[in-house]
Structures are given as C-alpha cells and as structure tokens.
Amino acid sequence: MKTLSALAIFALLAAAGGPACAQQKLLPAQSEISFTSKQMGVPVDGRFRKFDAQVVFDPKKPESAKIGFTIDLGSAAIGTAETEAELAKPDWFNTKLFPQASFQSTGAKSTGPGKFEVLGKLLIKGNSHDVVVPVTVTQAGGTTTATGTFTLKRLDFKIGDGDWKDTSIVANDVQVKFKLALNGVAPL
C-alpha cells in the first residue's frame, strides 16, 4: 500500500543529475529523498532514511558524468511501524532477497542553465529499467544542491505484487522528490 516508497528510489537517481570530473561527496544531513503514493485516492508520504551516492560531476561536461546510488530499502519511513514492516515483505520490497535498490548513470546532458537530464538504469527487486530524470542544480557557499521531481511506475519493479497489483487500491504512479547536497563540485 504505502510501499510505493520504492519509487522513491528513483529520486536517488534523479538527484544524481550532474556531470563528471572529480568525485564529489554527498552531505547526508542536508539531503533527502521523499515520495508520495496514493492508496485508495489518499496521498501517502514517505522517505528513505539511508542512501549513498558516488558522484563524479563537472557542470561544464555533463556527458562525462558518473553517478551511482544505493538505497537501503529497509530504511523506508512512512509513519507507522506496521506499514514499514509490511514494506519489507516479498510482495513489496522483499528486503531479505533485495536489501538495496541501485541506480547507475549511462549519460547526462545539459538542458539549460543549471538544468540537466540524467539517464541511467534503476534496479529494484532484480528488475532493471532505463530512466530519465530531470535535475536542477544550484550552488551556494561551496555546496551544490541537485533537486528534482519525477514519477515512476511501481509495477515495473514488482513493488506491490500479488494482491497489491490492483491499481484501484494502490496507484501505480509514485511521485519522487529529491534534494541532494554535494561538496566538491566545480562551479556552474
């Protein structure tokens, strides 16, 4: 139900919306990945508490970007212990067999000043799909912040399998929002 948080994983990939140069460091305390799914038409908000990124990004050469993310699927937080325990089960994230989701970039391009598209492969529960994530990059005080919002389809990754496939109960679309703070990125 609220397991559409798996789609929040896409946020991770989106957050990596930058080009490549020297490796930068993720600032976890200033970063977040959240998601909104709908259960019986009612919005359900969640987030991932644990994720990591390996980013090599030069804003002047986005085509050389190397962006990788991992998300601890067991760190999904949606407000209730009962629902979070449900997310770990086989129909949802199946965290015993698939403890992490990952994203690896295959390309990036500039779409305007401070705007990028990051292309890559998202892997959740053994299912890999190509994704394109729009990213806005801003810089202030030595910190680069990558933000974005996109929608993904949970059933593409078998999230909410079995009885939960019914999209009239849990919508297939999950909106993912991210804000990733990095240091060590060259000026825009």
C-alpha atoms as a PDB file:
ATOM      1  CA  MET A   1       0.000   0.000   0.000  1.00  0.00           C
ATOM      2  CA  LYS A   2       2.300   2.735   1.168  1.00  0.00           C
ATOM      3  CA  THR A   3       5.032   0.707  -0.411  1.00  0.00           C
ATOM      4  CA  LEU A   4       5.169   2.951  -3.343  1.00  0.00           C
ATOM      5  CA  SER A   5       8.081   4.320  -1.434  1.00  0.00           C
ATOM      6  CA  ALA A   6      10.160   2.010  -3.523  1.00  0.00           C
ATOM      7  CA  LEU A   7       9.679   4.529  -6.193  1.00  0.00           C
ATOM      8  CA  ALA A   8      11.486   6.954  -4.029  1.00  0.00           C
ATOM      9  CA  ILE A   9      14.499   5.111  -5.215  1.00  0.00           C
ATOM     10  CA  PHE A  10      14.075   6.882  -8.474  1.00  0.00           C
ATOM     11  CA  ALA A  11      14.597  10.035  -6.587  1.00  0.00           C
ATOM     12  CA  LEU A  12      18.048   8.889  -5.853  1.00  0.00           C
ATOM     13  CA  LEU A  13      18.847   8.559  -9.461  1.00  0.00           C
ATOM     14  CA  ALA A  14      17.325  11.879 -10.231  1.00  0.00           C
ATOM     15  CA  ALA A  15      19.289  13.544  -7.552  1.00  0.00           C
ATOM     16  CA  ALA A  16      22.428  12.488  -9.271  1.00  0.00           C
ATOM     17  CA  GLY A  17      21.640  14.869 -12.078  1.00  0.00           C
ATOM     18  CA  GLY A  18      25.049  16.169 -12.713  1.00  0.00           C
ATOM     19  CA  PRO A  19      28.123  15.816 -14.872  1.00  0.00           C
ATOM     20  CA  ALA A  20      31.543  14.309 -14.236  1.00  0.00           C
ATOM     21  CA  CYS A  21      35.005  15.433 -13.139  1.00  0.00           C
ATOM     22  CA  ALA A  22      36.476  14.676  -9.712  1.00  0.00           C
ATOM     23  CA  GLN A  23      34.386  12.674  -7.266  1.00  0.00           C
ATOM     24  CA  GLN A  24      32.154  14.707  -5.009  1.00  0.00           C
ATOM     25  CA  LYS A  25      30.855  13.861  -1.553  1.00  0.00           C
ATOM     26  CA  LEU A  26      27.195  13.522  -0.561  1.00  0.00           C
ATOM     27  CA  LEU A  27      26.201  15.556   2.506  1.00  0.00           C
ATOM     28  CA  PRO A  28      23.578  13.225   4.060  1.00  0.00           C
ATOM     29  CA  ALA A  29      22.363  15.652   6.747  1.00  0.00           C
ATOM     30  CA  GLN A  30      21.404  18.149   4.023  1.00  0.00           C
ATOM     31  CA  SER A  31      19.956  15.574   1.598  1.00  0.00           C
ATOM     32  CA  GLU A  32      16.577  13.872   1.379  1.00  0.00           C
ATOM     33  CA  ILE A  33      14.577  11.551  -0.820  1.00  0.00           C
ATOM     34  CA  SER A  34      10.823  11.548  -0.392  1.00  0.00           C
ATOM     35  CA  PHE A  35       7.873  10.082  -2.248  1.00  0.00           C
ATOM     36  CA  THR A  36       4.134  10.348  -2.472  1.00  0.00           C
ATOM     37  CA  SER A  37       1.922   7.464  -3.487  1.00  0.00           C
ATOM     38  CA  LYS A  38      -1.839   7.147  -3.344  1.00  0.00           C
ATOM     39  CA  GLN A  39      -3.777   4.475  -1.517  1.00  0.00           C
ATOM     40  CA  MET A  40      -7.477   4.475  -2.405  1.00  0.00           C
ATOM     41  CA  GLY A  41      -7.008   8.025  -3.715  1.00  0.00           C
ATOM     42  CA  VAL A  42      -5.440   9.349  -0.494  1.00  0.00           C
ATOM     43  CA  PRO A  43      -1.832  10.668  -0.691  1.00  0.00           C
ATOM     44  CA  VAL A  44       0.692   8.740   1.418  1.00  0.00           C
ATOM     45  CA  ASP A  45       4.048  10.438   2.035  1.00  0.00           C
ATOM     46  CA  GLY A  46       7.285   8.677   2.858  1.00  0.00           C
ATOM     47  CA  ARG A  47      11.052   8.896   2.673  1.00  0.00           C
ATOM     48  CA  PHE A  48      14.214   6.813   2.744  1.00  0.00           C
ATOM     49  CA  ARG A  49      16.439   7.300   5.773  1.00  0.00           C
ATOM     50  CA  LYS A  50      19.574   5.596   4.352  1.00  0.00           C
ATOM     51  CA  PHE A  51      21.109   6.113   0.937  1.00  0.00           C
ATOM     52  CA  ASP A  52      24.510   6.832  -0.552  1.00  0.00           C
ATOM     53  CA  ALA A  53      25.809   8.317  -3.772  1.00  0.00           C
ATOM     54  CA  GLN A  54      29.030   8.151  -5.745  1.00  0.00           C
ATOM     55  CA  VAL A  55      29.128  11.204  -7.981  1.00  0.00           C
ATOM     56  CA  VAL A  56      31.678  12.437 -10.497  1.00  0.00           C
ATOM     57  CA  PHE A  57      30.196  15.619 -11.950  1.00  0.00           C
ATOM     58  CA  ASP A  58      31.557  18.571 -13.902  1.00  0.00           C
ATOM     59  CA  PRO A  59      28.764  21.040 -14.794  1.00  0.00           C
ATOM     60  CA  LYS A  60      30.724  22.085 -17.893  1.00  0.00           C
ATOM     61  CA  LYS A  61      30.965  18.459 -19.145  1.00  0.00           C
ATOM     62  CA  PRO A  62      27.712  16.697 -18.194  1.00  0.00           C
ATOM     63  CA  GLU A  63      28.274  13.997 -20.820  1.00  0.00           C
ATOM     64  CA  SER A  64      31.167  12.640 -18.728  1.00  0.00           C
ATOM     65  CA  ALA A  65      29.098  12.263 -15.533  1.00  0.00           C
ATOM     66  CA  LYS A  66      29.388   9.079 -13.499  1.00  0.00           C
ATOM     67  CA  ILE A  67      26.563   8.823 -10.985  1.00  0.00           C
ATOM     68  CA  GLY A  68      25.719   5.841  -8.829  1.00  0.00           C
ATOM     69  CA  PHE A  69      23.241   5.465  -5.986  1.00  0.00           C
ATOM     70  CA  THR A  70      22.330   2.813  -3.492  1.00  0.00           C
ATOM     71  CA  ILE A  71      19.270   2.914  -1.263  1.00  0.00           C
ATOM     72  CA  ASP A  72      18.664   0.784   1.789  1.00  0.00           C
ATOM     73  CA  LEU A  73      15.112  -0.435   1.086  1.00  0.00           C
ATOM     74  CA  GLY A  74      14.687  -1.351   4.741  1.00  0.00           C
ATOM     75  CA  SER A  75      15.053   2.329   5.634  1.00  0.00           C
ATOM     76  CA  ALA A  76      11.704   3.341   4.106  1.00  0.00           C
ATOM     77  CA  ALA A  77       9.787   5.516   6.557  1.00  0.00           C
ATOM     78  CA  ILE A  78       6.074   6.130   6.078  1.00  0.00           C
ATOM     79  CA  GLY A  79       4.932   6.912   9.578  1.00  0.00           C
ATOM     80  CA  THR A  80       3.815   3.602  11.081  1.00  0.00           C
ATOM     81  CA  ALA A  81       5.885   0.629  12.201  1.00  0.00           C
ATOM     82  CA  GLU A  82       3.203  -1.778  10.971  1.00  0.00           C
ATOM     83  CA  THR A  83       3.238  -0.412   7.417  1.00  0.00           C
ATOM     84  CA  GLU A  84       7.042  -0.188   7.359  1.00  0.00           C
ATOM     85  CA  ALA A  85       7.207  -3.867   8.376  1.00  0.00           C
ATOM     86  CA  GLU A  86       4.809  -4.677   5.517  1.00  0.00           C
ATOM     87  CA  LEU A  87       7.141  -2.958   3.037  1.00  0.00           C
ATOM     88  CA  ALA A  88       9.922  -5.435   3.874  1.00  0.00           C
ATOM     89  CA  LYS A  89       7.762  -8.414   2.829  1.00  0.00           C
ATOM     90  CA  PRO A  90       8.101 -10.245  -0.531  1.00  0.00           C
ATOM     91  CA  ASP A  91       5.108  -8.551  -2.201  1.00  0.00           C
ATOM     92  CA  TRP A  92       6.683  -5.135  -1.625  1.00  0.00           C
ATOM     93  CA  PHE A  93      10.470  -4.644  -1.334  1.00  0.00           C
ATOM     94  CA  ASN A  94      11.401  -8.189  -0.311  1.00  0.00           C
ATOM     95  CA  THR A  95      14.329  -6.815   1.685  1.00  0.00           C
ATOM     96  CA  LYS A  96      15.642 -10.267   2.642  1.00  0.00           C
ATOM     97  CA  LEU A  97      16.446 -11.012  -1.010  1.00  0.00           C
ATOM     98  CA  PHE A  98      16.844  -7.421  -2.234  1.00  0.00           C
ATOM     99  CA  PRO A  99      18.151  -5.215   0.600  1.00  0.00           C
ATOM    100  CA  GLN A 100      19.153  -2.403  -1.745  1.00  0.00           C
ATOM    101  CA  ALA A 101      17.999  -0.614  -4.844  1.00  0.00           C
ATOM    102  CA  SER A 102      20.586   0.953  -7.126  1.00  0.00           C
ATOM    103  CA  PHE A 103      20.976   3.425  -9.946  1.00  0.00           C
ATOM    104  CA  GLN A 104      23.869   3.750 -12.382  1.00  0.00           C
ATOM    105  CA  SER A 105      24.019   6.593 -14.881  1.00  0.00           C
ATOM    106  CA  THR A 106      24.556   5.892 -18.572  1.00  0.00           C
ATOM    107  CA  GLY A 107      24.579   9.530 -19.670  1.00  0.00           C
ATOM    108  CA  ALA A 108      23.734  13.108 -18.795  1.00  0.00           C
ATOM    109  CA  LYS A 109      23.129  16.278 -20.727  1.00  0.00           C
ATOM    110  CA  SER A 110      22.506  19.939 -20.085  1.00  0.00           C
ATOM    111  CA  THR A 111      19.000  21.179 -20.884  1.00  0.00           C
ATOM    112  CA  GLY A 112      19.625  24.812 -19.913  1.00  0.00           C
ATOM    113  CA  PRO A 113      21.439  26.893 -17.288  1.00  0.00           C
ATOM    114  CA  GLY A 114      21.604  24.747 -14.132  1.00  0.00           C
ATOM    115  CA  LYS A 115      19.295  22.131 -15.662  1.00  0.00           C
ATOM    116  CA  PHE A 116      20.236  18.577 -16.621  1.00  0.00           C
ATOM    117  CA  GLU A 117      18.766  15.242 -17.628  1.00  0.00           C
ATOM    118  CA  VAL A 118      20.376  12.136 -16.184  1.00  0.00           C
ATOM    119  CA  LEU A 119      19.852   8.838 -17.986  1.00  0.00           C
ATOM    120  CA  GLY A 120      20.530   5.526 -16.330  1.00  0.00           C
ATOM    121  CA  LYS A 121      19.435   2.115 -15.143  1.00  0.00           C
ATOM    122  CA  LEU A 122      17.394   1.719 -11.996  1.00  0.00           C
ATOM    123  CA  LEU A 123      17.458  -1.699 -10.329  1.00  0.00           C
ATOM    124  CA  ILE A 124      14.790  -2.626  -7.767  1.00  0.00           C
ATOM    125  CA  LYS A 125      13.956  -6.201  -6.702  1.00  0.00           C
ATOM    126  CA  GLY A 126      16.033  -7.633  -9.562  1.00  0.00           C
ATOM    127  CA  ASN A 127      14.124  -5.575 -12.167  1.00  0.00           C
ATOM    128  CA  SER A 128      16.137  -3.085 -14.205  1.00  0.00           C
ATOM    129  CA  HIS A 129      14.623  -0.255 -16.253  1.00  0.00           C
ATOM    130  CA  ASP A 130      16.008   2.735 -18.112  1.00  0.00           C
ATOM    131  CA  VAL A 131      15.046   6.053 -16.549  1.00  0.00           C
ATOM    132  CA  VAL A 132      15.435   9.730 -17.431  1.00  0.00           C
ATOM    133  CA  VAL A 133      15.459  12.167 -14.519  1.00  0.00           C
ATOM    134  CA  PRO A 134      15.287  15.966 -14.803  1.00  0.00           C
ATOM    135  CA  VAL A 135      17.597  17.698 -12.310  1.00  0.00           C
ATOM    136  CA  THR A 136      18.065  21.335 -11.293  1.00  0.00           C
ATOM    137  CA  VAL A 137      21.474  22.212  -9.857  1.00  0.00           C
ATOM    138  CA  THR A 138      22.168  25.277  -7.687  1.00  0.00           C
ATOM    139  CA  GLN A 139      25.283  26.337  -5.800  1.00  0.00           C
ATOM    140  CA  ALA A 140      25.799  28.385  -2.644  1.00  0.00           C
ATOM    141  CA  GLY A 141      28.662  28.585  -0.161  1.00  0.00           C
ATOM    142  CA  GLY A 142      30.593  25.634  -1.586  1.00  0.00           C
ATOM    143  CA  THR A 143      27.564  23.330  -1.573  1.00  0.00           C
ATOM    144  CA  THR A 144      25.924  22.097  -4.760  1.00  0.00           C
ATOM    145  CA  THR A 145      22.289  21.059  -4.443  1.00  0.00           C
ATOM    146  CA  ALA A 146      20.578  18.815  -7.008  1.00  0.00           C
ATOM    147  CA  THR A 147      16.776  18.800  -6.841  1.00  0.00           C
ATOM    148  CA  GLY A 148      14.025  17.276  -8.893  1.00  0.00           C
ATOM    149  CA  THR A 149      10.658  15.593  -9.083  1.00  0.00           C
ATOM    150  CA  PHE A 150       9.592  12.734 -11.335  1.00  0.00           C
ATOM    151  CA  THR A 151       7.038   9.948 -11.498  1.00  0.00           C
ATOM    152  CA  LEU A 152       7.695   6.243 -11.750  1.00  0.00           C
ATOM    153  CA  LYS A 153       5.541   3.122 -12.124  1.00  0.00           C
ATOM    154  CA  ARG A 154       5.797   0.786  -9.124  1.00  0.00           C
ATOM    155  CA  LEU A 155       4.557  -2.282 -11.010  1.00  0.00           C
ATOM    156  CA  ASP A 156       7.514  -2.003 -13.437  1.00  0.00           C
ATOM    157  CA  PHE A 157       9.628  -3.135 -10.471  1.00  0.00           C
ATOM    158  CA  LYS A 158       7.107  -5.620  -8.992  1.00  0.00           C
ATOM    159  CA  ILE A 159       6.587  -3.388  -5.972  1.00  0.00           C
ATOM    160  CA  GLY A 160       3.182  -4.241  -4.597  1.00  0.00           C
ATOM    161  CA  ASP A 161       2.997  -7.681  -6.171  1.00  0.00           C
ATOM    162  CA  GLY A 162       0.345 -10.338  -5.608  1.00  0.00           C
ATOM    163  CA  ASP A 163      -2.909  -8.930  -4.242  1.00  0.00           C
ATOM    164  CA  TRP A 164      -1.402  -5.429  -4.317  1.00  0.00           C
ATOM    165  CA  LYS A 165      -1.255  -5.277  -8.128  1.00  0.00           C
ATOM    166  CA  ASP A 166      -4.731  -3.716  -8.129  1.00  0.00           C
ATOM    167  CA  THR A 167      -4.054  -0.081  -9.011  1.00  0.00           C
ATOM    168  CA  SER A 168      -7.516   0.966  -7.817  1.00  0.00           C
ATOM    169  CA  ILE A 169      -6.254   0.311  -4.277  1.00  0.00           C
ATOM    170  CA  VAL A 170      -2.616   1.462  -4.584  1.00  0.00           C
ATOM    171  CA  ALA A 171      -1.926   3.709  -7.573  1.00  0.00           C
ATOM    172  CA  ASN A 172       0.795   2.651  -9.988  1.00  0.00           C
ATOM    173  CA  ASP A 173       2.260   6.163 -10.192  1.00  0.00           C
ATOM    174  CA  VAL A 174       4.605   7.320  -7.449  1.00  0.00           C
ATOM    175  CA  GLN A 175       5.907  10.861  -7.325  1.00  0.00           C
ATOM    176  CA  VAL A 176       9.504  11.103  -6.176  1.00  0.00           C
ATOM    177  CA  LYS A 177      11.146  14.282  -4.891  1.00  0.00           C
ATOM    178  CA  PHE A 178      14.775  14.648  -4.002  1.00  0.00           C
ATOM    179  CA  LYS A 179      17.264  17.154  -2.713  1.00  0.00           C
ATOM    180  CA  LEU A 180      20.876  16.027  -2.692  1.00  0.00           C
ATOM    181  CA  ALA A 181      23.611  18.237  -1.306  1.00  0.00           C
ATOM    182  CA  LEU A 182      27.182  17.678  -2.513  1.00  0.00           C
ATOM    183  CA  ASN A 183      30.531  19.294  -1.914  1.00  0.00           C
ATOM    184  CA  GLY A 184      33.497  19.396  -4.261  1.00  0.00           C
ATOM    185  CA  VAL A 185      31.524  20.229  -7.436  1.00  0.00           C
ATOM    186  CA  ALA A 186      33.088  22.679  -9.923  1.00  0.00           C
ATOM    187  CA  PRO A 187      31.259  25.993 -10.471  1.00  0.00           C
ATOM    188  CA  LEU A 188      28.286  26.034 -12.835  1.00  0.00           C
END
